[in-house]
PDB file of N, CA and C in Angstrom:
ATOM      1  N   UNK A   1      80.952 187.783 -15.011  1.00  0.00           N
ATOM      2  CA  UNK A   1      81.272 189.119 -15.460  1.00  0.00           C
ATOM      3  C   UNK A   1      81.930 189.862 -14.292  1.00  0.00           C
ATOM      4  N   UNK A   2      83.030 190.481 -14.584  1.00  0.00           N
ATOM      5  CA  UNK A   2      83.718 191.282 -13.570  1.00  0.00           C
ATOM      6  C   UNK A   2      82.938 192.569 -13.345  1.00  0.00           C
ATOM      7  N   UNK A   3      83.083 193.127 -12.124  1.00  0.00           N
ATOM      8  CA  UNK A   3      82.394 194.374 -11.843  1.00  0.00           C
ATOM      9  C   UNK A   3      83.106 195.158 -10.752  1.00  0.00           C
ATOM     10  N   UNK A   4      82.756 196.428 -10.645  1.00  0.00           N
ATOM     11  CA  UNK A   4      83.350 197.337  -9.663  1.00  0.00           C
ATOM     12  C   UNK A   4      82.365 197.677  -8.548  1.00  0.00           C
ATOM     13  N   UNK A   5      81.345 196.854  -8.396  1.00  0.00           N
ATOM     14  CA  UNK A   5      80.264 197.171  -7.476  1.00  0.00           C
ATOM     15  C   UNK A   5      80.756 197.353  -6.039  1.00  0.00           C
ATOM     16  N   UNK A   6      81.548 196.435  -5.539  1.00  0.00           N
ATOM     17  CA  UNK A   6      82.041 196.529  -4.154  1.00  0.00           C
ATOM     18  C   UNK A   6      82.855 197.808  -3.961  1.00  0.00           C
ATOM     19  N   UNK A   7      83.731 198.093  -4.897  1.00  0.00           N
ATOM     20  CA  UNK A   7      84.569 199.301  -4.843  1.00  0.00           C
ATOM     21  C   UNK A   7      83.715 200.573  -4.821  1.00  0.00           C
ATOM     22  N   UNK A   8      82.733 200.639  -5.701  1.00  0.00           N
ATOM     23  CA  UNK A   8      81.874 201.820  -5.779  1.00  0.00           C
ATOM     24  C   UNK A   8      81.006 201.970  -4.531  1.00  0.00           C
ATOM     25  N   UNK A   9      80.505 200.856  -4.037  1.00  0.00           N
ATOM     26  CA  UNK A   9      79.674 200.877  -2.837  1.00  0.00           C
ATOM     27  C   UNK A   9      80.496 201.310  -1.628  1.00  0.00           C
ATOM     28  N   UNK A  10      81.684 200.765  -1.500  1.00  0.00           N
ATOM     29  CA  UNK A  10      82.555 201.098  -0.368  1.00  0.00           C
ATOM     30  C   UNK A  10      82.973 202.567  -0.395  1.00  0.00           C
ATOM     31  N   UNK A  11      83.212 203.104  -1.585  1.00  0.00           N
ATOM     32  CA  UNK A  11      83.608 204.518  -1.706  1.00  0.00           C
ATOM     33  C   UNK A  11      82.506 205.437  -1.188  1.00  0.00           C
ATOM     34  N   UNK A  12      81.269 204.985  -1.272  1.00  0.00           N
ATOM     35  CA  UNK A  12      80.130 205.786  -0.781  1.00  0.00           C
ATOM     36  C   UNK A  12      79.742 205.422   0.646  1.00  0.00           C
ATOM     37  N   UNK A  13      80.464 204.443   1.211  1.00  0.00           N
ATOM     38  CA  UNK A  13      80.216 203.945   2.572  1.00  0.00           C
ATOM     39  C   UNK A  13      78.803 203.408   2.737  1.00  0.00           C
ATOM     40  N   UNK A  14      78.330 202.741   1.692  1.00  0.00           N
ATOM     41  CA  UNK A  14      77.017 202.110   1.724  1.00  0.00           C
ATOM     42  C   UNK A  14      77.194 200.646   2.094  1.00  0.00           C
ATOM     43  N   UNK A  15      76.303 200.120   2.889  1.00  0.00           N
ATOM     44  CA  UNK A  15      76.278 198.686   3.149  1.00  0.00           C
ATOM     45  C   UNK A  15      75.635 197.991   1.946  1.00  0.00           C
ATOM     46  N   UNK A  16      75.781 196.674   1.894  1.00  0.00           N
ATOM     47  CA  UNK A  16      75.102 195.935   0.831  1.00  0.00           C
ATOM     48  C   UNK A  16      73.594 196.120   0.956  1.00  0.00           C
ATOM     49  N   UNK A  17      73.099 196.166   2.193  1.00  0.00           N
ATOM     50  CA  UNK A  17      71.660 196.346   2.407  1.00  0.00           C
ATOM     51  C   UNK A  17      71.188 197.715   1.904  1.00  0.00           C
ATOM     52  N   UNK A  18      72.000 198.740   2.132  1.00  0.00           N
ATOM     53  CA  UNK A  18      71.624 200.087   1.673  1.00  0.00           C
ATOM     54  C   UNK A  18      71.572 200.136   0.150  1.00  0.00           C
ATOM     55  N   UNK A  19      72.557 199.538  -0.514  1.00  0.00           N
ATOM     56  CA  UNK A  19      72.537 199.503  -1.977  1.00  0.00           C
ATOM     57  C   UNK A  19      71.358 198.671  -2.470  1.00  0.00           C
ATOM     58  N   UNK A  20      71.100 197.558  -1.803  1.00  0.00           N
ATOM     59  CA  UNK A  20      69.973 196.709  -2.185  1.00  0.00           C
ATOM     60  C   UNK A  20      68.659 197.484  -2.104  1.00  0.00           C
ATOM     61  N   UNK A  21      68.492 198.266  -1.041  1.00  0.00           N
ATOM     62  CA  UNK A  21      67.277 199.088  -0.913  1.00  0.00           C
ATOM     63  C   UNK A  21      67.154 200.069  -2.069  1.00  0.00           C
ATOM     64  N   UNK A  22      68.256 200.707  -2.427  1.00  0.00           N
ATOM     65  CA  UNK A  22      68.230 201.679  -3.526  1.00  0.00           C
ATOM     66  C   UNK A  22      67.887 201.009  -4.864  1.00  0.00           C
ATOM     67  N   UNK A  23      68.288 199.750  -5.006  1.00  0.00           N
ATOM     68  CA  UNK A  23      68.059 199.023  -6.263  1.00  0.00           C
ATOM     69  C   UNK A  23      66.795 198.164  -6.210  1.00  0.00           C
ATOM     70  N   UNK A  24      66.154 198.111  -5.065  1.00  0.00           N
ATOM     71  CA  UNK A  24      64.948 197.315  -4.862  1.00  0.00           C
ATOM     72  C   UNK A  24      65.168 195.828  -5.128  1.00  0.00           C
ATOM     73  N   UNK A  25      66.294 195.330  -4.589  1.00  0.00           N
ATOM     74  CA  UNK A  25      66.607 193.901  -4.637  1.00  0.00           C
ATOM     75  C   UNK A  25      67.049 193.477  -3.236  1.00  0.00           C
ATOM     76  N   UNK A  26      67.333 192.206  -3.053  1.00  0.00           N
ATOM     77  CA  UNK A  26      67.779 191.721  -1.749  1.00  0.00           C
ATOM     78  C   UNK A  26      69.274 191.994  -1.545  1.00  0.00           C
ATOM     79  N   UNK A  27      69.666 191.995  -0.287  1.00  0.00           N
ATOM     80  CA  UNK A  27      71.087 192.131   0.029  1.00  0.00           C
ATOM     81  C   UNK A  27      71.847 190.949  -0.563  1.00  0.00           C
ATOM     82  N   UNK A  28      71.231 189.776  -0.553  1.00  0.00           N
ATOM     83  CA  UNK A  28      71.877 188.581  -1.103  1.00  0.00           C
ATOM     84  C   UNK A  28      72.150 188.736  -2.594  1.00  0.00           C
ATOM     85  N   UNK A  29      71.256 189.419  -3.305  1.00  0.00           N
ATOM     86  CA  UNK A  29      71.476 189.652  -4.739  1.00  0.00           C
ATOM     87  C   UNK A  29      72.700 190.531  -4.950  1.00  0.00           C
ATOM     88  N   UNK A  30      72.835 191.582  -4.137  1.00  0.00           N
ATOM     89  CA  UNK A  30      74.007 192.463  -4.244  1.00  0.00           C
ATOM     90  C   UNK A  30      75.273 191.678  -3.928  1.00  0.00           C
ATOM     91  N   UNK A  31      75.226 190.856  -2.885  1.00  0.00           N
ATOM     92  CA  UNK A  31      76.384 190.041  -2.530  1.00  0.00           C
ATOM     93  C   UNK A  31      76.773 189.098  -3.669  1.00  0.00           C
ATOM     94  N   UNK A  32      75.785 188.460  -4.276  1.00  0.00           N
ATOM     95  CA  UNK A  32      76.061 187.524  -5.373  1.00  0.00           C
ATOM     96  C   UNK A  32      76.666 188.235  -6.584  1.00  0.00           C
ATOM     97  N   UNK A  33      76.210 189.447  -6.862  1.00  0.00           N
ATOM     98  CA  UNK A  33      76.779 190.216  -7.979  1.00  0.00           C
ATOM     99  C   UNK A  33      78.215 190.611  -7.652  1.00  0.00           C
ATOM    100  N   UNK A  34      78.446 191.114  -6.426  1.00  0.00           N
ATOM    101  CA  UNK A  34      79.795 191.537  -6.034  1.00  0.00           C
ATOM    102  C   UNK A  34      80.792 190.392  -6.083  1.00  0.00           C
ATOM    103  N   UNK A  35      80.357 189.203  -5.697  1.00  0.00           N
ATOM    104  CA  UNK A  35      81.260 188.048  -5.678  1.00  0.00           C
ATOM    105  C   UNK A  35      81.282 187.302  -7.009  1.00  0.00           C
ATOM    106  N   UNK A  36      80.628 187.883  -8.011  1.00  0.00           N
ATOM    107  CA  UNK A  36      80.606 187.357  -9.380  1.00  0.00           C
ATOM    108  C   UNK A  36      80.006 185.961  -9.480  1.00  0.00           C
ATOM    109  N   UNK A  37      79.065 185.649  -8.569  1.00  0.00           N
ATOM    110  CA  UNK A  37      78.332 184.390  -8.644  1.00  0.00           C
ATOM    111  C   UNK A  37      77.053 184.559  -9.445  1.00  0.00           C
ATOM    112  N   UNK A  38      76.701 185.813  -9.743  1.00  0.00           N
ATOM    113  CA  UNK A  38      75.450 186.118 -10.448  1.00  0.00           C
ATOM    114  C   UNK A  38      75.663 187.350 -11.312  1.00  0.00           C
ATOM    115  N   UNK A  39      75.249 187.260 -12.565  1.00  0.00           N
ATOM    116  CA  UNK A  39      75.272 188.419 -13.453  1.00  0.00           C
ATOM    117  C   UNK A  39      73.879 189.040 -13.428  1.00  0.00           C
ATOM    118  N   UNK A  40      73.792 190.340 -13.187  1.00  0.00           N
ATOM    119  CA  UNK A  40      72.471 190.966 -13.110  1.00  0.00           C
ATOM    120  C   UNK A  40      71.772 190.983 -14.464  1.00  0.00           C
ATOM    121  N   UNK A  41      70.455 191.029 -14.408  1.00  0.00           N
ATOM    122  CA  UNK A  41      69.673 191.208 -15.631  1.00  0.00           C
ATOM    123  C   UNK A  41      69.995 192.593 -16.185  1.00  0.00           C
ATOM    124  N   UNK A  42      69.675 192.811 -17.433  1.00  0.00           N
ATOM    125  CA  UNK A  42      69.930 194.117 -18.039  1.00  0.00           C
ATOM    126  C   UNK A  42      69.167 195.230 -17.316  1.00  0.00           C
ATOM    127  N   UNK A  43      67.875 195.025 -16.989  1.00  0.00           N
ATOM    128  CA  UNK A  43      67.182 196.089 -16.245  1.00  0.00           C
ATOM    129  C   UNK A  43      67.840 196.390 -14.890  1.00  0.00           C
ATOM    130  N   UNK A  44      68.298 195.357 -14.178  1.00  0.00           N
ATOM    131  CA  UNK A  44      68.972 195.592 -12.898  1.00  0.00           C
ATOM    132  C   UNK A  44      70.309 196.290 -13.108  1.00  0.00           C
ATOM    133  N   UNK A  45      71.034 195.928 -14.143  1.00  0.00           N
ATOM    134  CA  UNK A  45      72.307 196.607 -14.439  1.00  0.00           C
ATOM    135  C   UNK A  45      72.070 198.090 -14.710  1.00  0.00           C
ATOM    136  N   UNK A  46      71.003 198.410 -15.432  1.00  0.00           N
ATOM    137  CA  UNK A  46      70.669 199.823 -15.670  1.00  0.00           C
ATOM    138  C   UNK A  46      70.311 200.526 -14.362  1.00  0.00           C
ATOM    139  N   UNK A  47      69.579 199.857 -13.493  1.00  0.00           N
ATOM    140  CA  UNK A  47      69.216 200.442 -12.199  1.00  0.00           C
ATOM    141  C   UNK A  47      70.462 200.712 -11.366  1.00  0.00           C
ATOM    142  N   UNK A  48      71.364 199.751 -11.312  1.00  0.00           N
ATOM    143  CA  UNK A  48      72.604 199.917 -10.547  1.00  0.00           C
ATOM    144  C   UNK A  48      73.407 201.083 -11.107  1.00  0.00           C
ATOM    145  N   UNK A  49      73.526 201.144 -12.423  1.00  0.00           N
ATOM    146  CA  UNK A  49      74.260 202.242 -13.058  1.00  0.00           C
ATOM    147  C   UNK A  49      73.632 203.583 -12.714  1.00  0.00           C
ATOM    148  N   UNK A  50      72.305 203.638 -12.739  1.00  0.00           N
ATOM    149  CA  UNK A  50      71.594 204.873 -12.420  1.00  0.00           C
ATOM    150  C   UNK A  50      71.826 205.285 -10.969  1.00  0.00           C
ATOM    151  N   UNK A  51      71.814 204.332 -10.055  1.00  0.00           N
ATOM    152  CA  UNK A  51      72.053 204.623  -8.631  1.00  0.00           C
ATOM    153  C   UNK A  51      73.423 205.261  -8.437  1.00  0.00           C
ATOM    154  N   UNK A  52      74.418 204.791  -9.175  1.00  0.00           N
ATOM    155  CA  UNK A  52      75.780 205.325  -9.051  1.00  0.00           C
ATOM    156  C   UNK A  52      76.037 206.514  -9.972  1.00  0.00           C
ATOM    157  N   UNK A  53      75.113 206.798 -10.879  1.00  0.00           N
ATOM    158  CA  UNK A  53      75.318 207.894 -11.820  1.00  0.00           C
ATOM    159  C   UNK A  53      76.407 207.600 -12.832  1.00  0.00           C
ATOM    160  N   UNK A  54      76.522 206.329 -13.196  1.00  0.00           N
ATOM    161  CA  UNK A  54      77.543 205.880 -14.153  1.00  0.00           C
ATOM    162  C   UNK A  54      76.871 205.099 -15.272  1.00  0.00           C
ATOM    163  N   UNK A  55      77.644 204.750 -16.279  1.00  0.00           N
ATOM    164  CA  UNK A  55      77.127 203.880 -17.337  1.00  0.00           C
ATOM    165  C   UNK A  55      77.363 202.431 -16.932  1.00  0.00           C
ATOM    166  N   UNK A  56      76.634 201.544 -17.549  1.00  0.00           N
ATOM    167  CA  UNK A  56      76.820 200.109 -17.289  1.00  0.00           C
ATOM    168  C   UNK A  56      78.274 199.713 -17.537  1.00  0.00           C
ATOM    169  N   UNK A  57      78.848 200.248 -18.609  1.00  0.00           N
ATOM    170  CA  UNK A  57      80.230 199.888 -18.977  1.00  0.00           C
ATOM    171  C   UNK A  57      81.249 200.350 -17.941  1.00  0.00           C
ATOM    172  N   UNK A  58      80.908 201.365 -17.172  1.00  0.00           N
ATOM    173  CA  UNK A  58      81.816 201.845 -16.127  1.00  0.00           C
ATOM    174  C   UNK A  58      81.760 200.967 -14.876  1.00  0.00           C
ATOM    175  N   UNK A  59      80.766 200.127 -14.769  1.00  0.00           N
ATOM    176  CA  UNK A  59      80.606 199.262 -13.597  1.00  0.00           C
ATOM    177  C   UNK A  59      80.898 197.810 -13.930  1.00  0.00           C
ATOM    178  N   UNK A  60      80.358 197.345 -15.050  1.00  0.00           N
ATOM    179  CA  UNK A  60      80.476 195.937 -15.424  1.00  0.00           C
ATOM    180  C   UNK A  60      81.464 195.777 -16.564  1.00  0.00           C
ATOM    181  N   UNK A  61      82.389 194.848 -16.376  1.00  0.00           N
ATOM    182  CA  UNK A  61      83.461 194.618 -17.342  1.00  0.00           C
ATOM    183  C   UNK A  61      83.344 193.201 -17.876  1.00  0.00           C
ATOM    184  N   UNK A  62      83.377 193.027 -19.185  1.00  0.00           N
ATOM    185  CA  UNK A  62      83.276 191.660 -19.717  1.00  0.00           C
ATOM    186  C   UNK A  62      84.483 190.834 -19.289  1.00  0.00           C
ATOM    187  N   UNK A  63      84.227 189.576 -18.988  1.00  0.00           N
ATOM    188  CA  UNK A  63      85.302 188.644 -18.664  1.00  0.00           C
ATOM    189  C   UNK A  63      85.956 188.270 -19.984  1.00  0.00           C
ATOM    190  N   UNK A  64      87.182 188.636 -20.163  1.00  0.00           N
ATOM    191  CA  UNK A  64      87.868 188.445 -21.460  1.00  0.00           C
ATOM    192  C   UNK A  64      87.864 186.991 -21.907  1.00  0.00           C
ATOM    193  N   UNK A  65      87.960 186.034 -21.001  1.00  0.00           N
ATOM    194  CA  UNK A  65      87.942 184.624 -21.387  1.00  0.00           C
ATOM    195  C   UNK A  65      86.589 184.272 -21.999  1.00  0.00           C
ATOM    196  N   UNK A  66      85.488 184.766 -21.403  1.00  0.00           N
ATOM    197  CA  UNK A  66      84.161 184.501 -21.956  1.00  0.00           C
ATOM    198  C   UNK A  66      84.015 185.117 -23.339  1.00  0.00           C
ATOM    199  N   UNK A  67      84.528 186.339 -23.520  1.00  0.00           N
ATOM    200  CA  UNK A  67      84.440 187.021 -24.803  1.00  0.00           C
ATOM    201  C   UNK A  67      85.205 186.242 -25.865  1.00  0.00           C
ATOM    202  N   UNK A  68      86.389 185.757 -25.525  1.00  0.00           N
ATOM    203  CA  UNK A  68      87.205 184.981 -26.457  1.00  0.00           C
ATOM    204  C   UNK A  68      86.490 183.686 -26.823  1.00  0.00           C
ATOM    205  N   UNK A  69      85.896 182.998 -25.823  1.00  0.00           N
ATOM    206  CA  UNK A  69      85.176 181.767 -26.085  1.00  0.00           C
ATOM    207  C   UNK A  69      83.981 182.023 -27.000  1.00  0.00           C
ATOM    208  N   UNK A  70      83.251 183.112 -26.770  1.00  0.00           N
ATOM    209  CA  UNK A  70      82.103 183.451 -27.600  1.00  0.00           C
ATOM    210  C   UNK A  70      82.518 183.687 -29.033  1.00  0.00           C
ATOM    211  N   UNK A  71      83.640 184.368 -29.239  1.00  0.00           N
ATOM    212  CA  UNK A  71      84.124 184.650 -30.590  1.00  0.00           C
ATOM    213  C   UNK A  71      84.557 183.361 -31.282  1.00  0.00           C
ATOM    214  N   UNK A  72      85.159 182.450 -30.535  1.00  0.00           N
ATOM    215  CA  UNK A  72      85.623 181.200 -31.118  1.00  0.00           C
ATOM    216  C   UNK A  72      84.447 180.345 -31.601  1.00  0.00           C
ATOM    217  N   UNK A  73      83.306 180.469 -30.914  1.00  0.00           N
ATOM    218  CA  UNK A  73      82.125 179.691 -31.294  1.00  0.00           C
ATOM    219  C   UNK A  73      81.428 180.267 -32.515  1.00  0.00           C
ATOM    220  N   UNK A  74      81.720 181.501 -32.881  1.00  0.00           N
ATOM    221  CA  UNK A  74      81.025 182.149 -34.006  1.00  0.00           C
ATOM    222  C   UNK A  74      81.465 181.613 -35.350  1.00  0.00           C
TER     223      UNK A  74
END
């Protein structure tokens, strides 16, 4: 899943560790989400959205190829 996490974090001049503290997860978890190696759980996505004062949809963007594949399987 694509996301704007790095962009939003950098705009606030927060380190990955600072964002991780705010979200109560590890710095490695934030890094994995930013590099799109890990999709956050729904509760974590809500926490991240709350930390930034945005909606989940404003941070996380569906990967269009995955969406197309899901529709084809239906």
